Protein backbone atom coordinates (compact mmCIF):
# COMPACT_ATOMS: atom_id res chain seq x y z
CA MET A 1 50.19 -36.28 11.10
CA LEU A 2 53.47 -35.74 13.01
CA LEU A 3 52.95 -31.96 13.11
CA LEU A 4 49.41 -32.39 14.43
CA ASN A 5 50.71 -34.80 17.08
CA ILE A 6 53.43 -32.33 18.09
CA PHE A 7 50.90 -29.50 18.25
CA MET A 8 48.37 -31.53 20.28
CA SER A 9 51.03 -32.79 22.71
CA PHE A 10 52.22 -29.28 23.49
CA LEU A 11 48.67 -27.91 23.51
CA LYS A 12 47.91 -30.45 26.24
CA VAL A 13 50.99 -29.31 28.17
CA GLY A 14 49.94 -25.68 27.79
CA LEU A 15 46.37 -26.39 28.84
CA PHE A 16 47.15 -28.37 31.97
CA SER A 17 50.11 -26.43 33.36
CA PHE A 18 49.62 -23.64 35.83
CA GLY A 19 52.58 -21.79 37.26
CA GLY A 20 55.16 -21.37 34.54
CA GLY A 21 57.83 -23.23 32.66
CA TYR A 22 59.32 -25.34 35.44
CA VAL A 23 55.87 -26.68 36.25
CA MET A 24 55.59 -27.81 32.63
CA LEU A 25 58.80 -29.87 32.71
CA PRO A 26 57.25 -33.09 34.09
CA LEU A 27 54.37 -32.83 31.63
CA ILE A 28 56.68 -32.18 28.67
CA GLU A 29 58.91 -35.05 29.79
CA LYS A 30 55.89 -37.39 29.90
CA GLU A 31 54.72 -36.35 26.41
CA VAL A 32 58.13 -36.30 24.76
CA ILE A 33 59.76 -39.37 26.32
CA ARG A 34 57.14 -41.74 27.72
CA THR A 35 54.09 -41.11 25.53
CA ASN A 36 55.62 -40.37 22.12
CA ALA A 37 59.24 -41.60 22.49
CA TRP A 38 60.50 -38.68 20.43
CA LEU A 39 63.66 -38.28 22.53
CA THR A 40 65.75 -40.26 24.95
CA TYR A 41 66.00 -39.04 28.53
CA ASN A 42 69.57 -37.82 28.01
CA GLU A 43 68.57 -35.91 24.87
CA PHE A 44 65.73 -34.30 26.84
CA ILE A 45 68.08 -33.25 29.64
CA ASP A 46 70.47 -31.74 27.08
CA ILE A 47 67.60 -29.77 25.54
CA ILE A 48 66.59 -28.54 29.01
CA ALA A 49 70.15 -27.28 29.52
CA ILE A 50 70.03 -25.43 26.20
CA ALA A 51 66.56 -24.03 26.96
CA GLU A 52 67.82 -22.78 30.33
CA MET A 53 70.75 -20.93 28.78
CA THR A 54 68.70 -19.40 25.98
CA PRO A 55 66.96 -16.08 26.64
CA GLY A 56 63.20 -16.37 27.06
CA PRO A 57 60.75 -18.54 28.97
CA ILE A 58 62.03 -22.08 29.50
CA ALA A 59 58.76 -23.76 28.49
CA ILE A 60 58.63 -21.97 25.15
CA ASN A 61 62.33 -22.54 24.51
CA LEU A 62 61.98 -26.22 25.43
CA ALA A 63 58.90 -26.67 23.24
CA THR A 64 60.64 -24.96 20.33
CA PHE A 65 63.82 -27.05 20.66
CA VAL A 66 61.89 -30.32 21.03
CA GLY A 67 59.63 -29.46 18.09
CA PHE A 68 62.65 -28.60 15.96
CA ARG A 69 64.41 -31.80 16.94
CA VAL A 70 61.35 -33.91 16.10
CA GLY A 71 59.92 -32.08 13.08
CA GLY A 72 62.34 -29.41 11.91
CA ILE A 73 61.15 -25.83 11.54
CA PRO A 74 57.49 -26.83 11.05
CA GLY A 75 57.75 -28.94 14.22
CA ALA A 76 59.22 -26.00 16.12
CA LEU A 77 56.35 -23.79 14.99
CA ALA A 78 53.74 -26.43 15.87
CA SER A 79 55.16 -27.08 19.35
CA THR A 80 55.61 -23.40 20.14
CA LEU A 81 52.11 -22.52 19.00
CA GLY A 82 50.69 -25.47 20.93
CA VAL A 83 52.35 -24.55 24.22
CA VAL A 84 51.62 -20.80 23.94
CA LEU A 85 48.05 -20.83 22.63
CA PRO A 86 46.28 -21.93 25.84
CA SER A 87 48.12 -19.35 27.95
CA PHE A 88 47.37 -16.63 25.43
CA VAL A 89 43.64 -17.40 25.40
CA ILE A 90 43.46 -17.87 29.17
CA ILE A 91 45.29 -14.58 29.83
CA LEU A 92 42.89 -12.74 27.56
CA ILE A 93 39.94 -14.19 29.49
CA ILE A 94 41.52 -13.61 32.90
CA ALA A 95 42.49 -10.05 32.06
CA ARG A 96 38.88 -9.38 31.20
CA PHE A 97 37.40 -10.79 34.40
CA LEU A 98 40.07 -11.00 37.13
CA GLN A 99 39.96 -7.35 38.15
CA LYS A 100 36.28 -7.76 38.99
CA PHE A 101 36.63 -11.00 40.93
CA TYR A 102 40.19 -11.12 42.35
CA LYS A 103 39.25 -9.94 45.83
CA LEU A 104 36.47 -12.49 46.25
CA PRO A 105 37.26 -14.99 49.04
CA LEU A 106 36.58 -17.94 46.73
CA VAL A 107 39.11 -16.71 44.15
CA GLN A 108 41.68 -16.00 46.88
CA ALA A 109 41.13 -19.50 48.29
CA ALA A 110 41.66 -21.05 44.85
CA PHE A 111 44.98 -19.20 44.45
CA LYS A 112 46.08 -20.31 47.93
CA GLY A 113 45.39 -23.90 46.88
CA LEU A 114 47.23 -23.56 43.58
CA ARG A 115 50.48 -22.24 45.10
CA PRO A 116 51.47 -25.45 46.93
CA ALA A 117 50.63 -27.53 43.85
CA VAL A 118 52.89 -25.34 41.74
CA ILE A 119 55.70 -25.74 44.29
CA ALA A 120 55.22 -29.52 44.19
CA LEU A 121 55.47 -29.58 40.39
CA ILE A 122 58.59 -27.40 40.39
CA SER A 123 60.13 -29.65 43.07
CA LEU A 124 59.34 -32.76 41.02
CA ALA A 125 61.01 -31.20 37.98
CA ALA A 126 64.10 -30.36 40.05
CA ILE A 127 64.30 -33.86 41.56
CA THR A 128 63.86 -35.48 38.13
CA ILE A 129 66.66 -33.40 36.62
CA ILE A 130 68.96 -34.01 39.61
CA GLN A 131 68.39 -37.77 39.47
CA SER A 132 69.23 -37.93 35.79
CA THR A 133 72.31 -35.73 35.76
CA VAL A 134 73.92 -35.87 39.19
CA THR A 135 74.88 -39.36 40.28
CA LEU A 136 77.17 -40.57 43.03
CA GLU A 137 78.84 -42.89 40.51
CA ASP A 138 80.03 -39.77 38.74
CA LEU A 139 81.45 -37.52 41.44
CA ARG A 140 82.41 -34.94 38.82
CA SER A 141 78.73 -34.13 38.23
CA VAL A 142 78.18 -33.88 42.00
CA PHE A 143 81.14 -31.48 42.23
CA ILE A 144 79.82 -29.26 39.42
CA ALA A 145 76.24 -29.29 40.78
CA LEU A 146 77.26 -28.59 44.37
CA GLY A 147 79.72 -25.89 43.34
CA SER A 148 77.10 -24.21 41.14
CA PHE A 149 74.48 -24.42 43.90
CA LEU A 150 76.83 -22.92 46.47
CA LEU A 151 77.88 -20.10 44.15
CA LEU A 152 74.25 -19.30 43.35
CA SER A 153 73.21 -19.46 47.01
CA LEU A 154 76.11 -17.67 48.67
CA THR A 155 77.21 -15.05 46.16
CA ARG A 156 75.69 -12.42 43.97
CA LEU A 157 77.41 -13.77 40.87
CA ASN A 158 75.45 -13.55 37.67
CA PRO A 159 73.91 -16.98 36.86
CA ILE A 160 75.30 -16.69 33.32
CA LEU A 161 78.83 -16.63 34.76
CA ILE A 162 78.06 -19.71 36.84
CA ILE A 163 76.68 -21.53 33.79
CA MET A 164 79.82 -20.61 31.85
CA ALA A 165 82.01 -21.77 34.77
CA ALA A 166 80.11 -25.07 34.88
CA GLY A 167 80.72 -25.50 31.15
CA VAL A 168 84.44 -24.86 31.65
CA ALA A 169 84.49 -27.29 34.59
CA GLY A 170 82.76 -29.89 32.42
CA PHE A 171 85.29 -29.34 29.67
CA ILE A 172 88.16 -29.76 32.13
CA LEU A 173 86.71 -32.71 34.08
CA TYR A 174 85.21 -34.63 31.15
CA GLY A 175 87.40 -33.49 28.26
């Protein structure tokens, strides 16, 4: 029953997310924390950090890590299959028909409407993560977040180096 619940939860996320992994974060958070209470908020944030650092799409990584945490290897397989299956089927259908219909004004209008919604979902995910990890009571987290943001914005440093530097800063400031 747990594996079916994991699969169905991530199938729902995969079905109702349009725009990629960051758009899925609020939906995954709702399923994993509020609906099913599989993880605490802090555990979820830690898994997001791991999913970000791991090669591959964040939504698939996140689903796999959550599924593993909740149901071991079978849970990881169920969550990954659930989150990927809708996209796989939809892409097959779209690939078949989009070339014929992409230039139609109605299709173009639909895509123009979807873009702002995707931006809103990504923004919500960012705000949610910021609120849970960067607090004014803990100025060290503000320092690490602001320093990372500035390095990413103002330099051409590889994001992996910035993630490693943030880990070192965390070790120094919290260790």
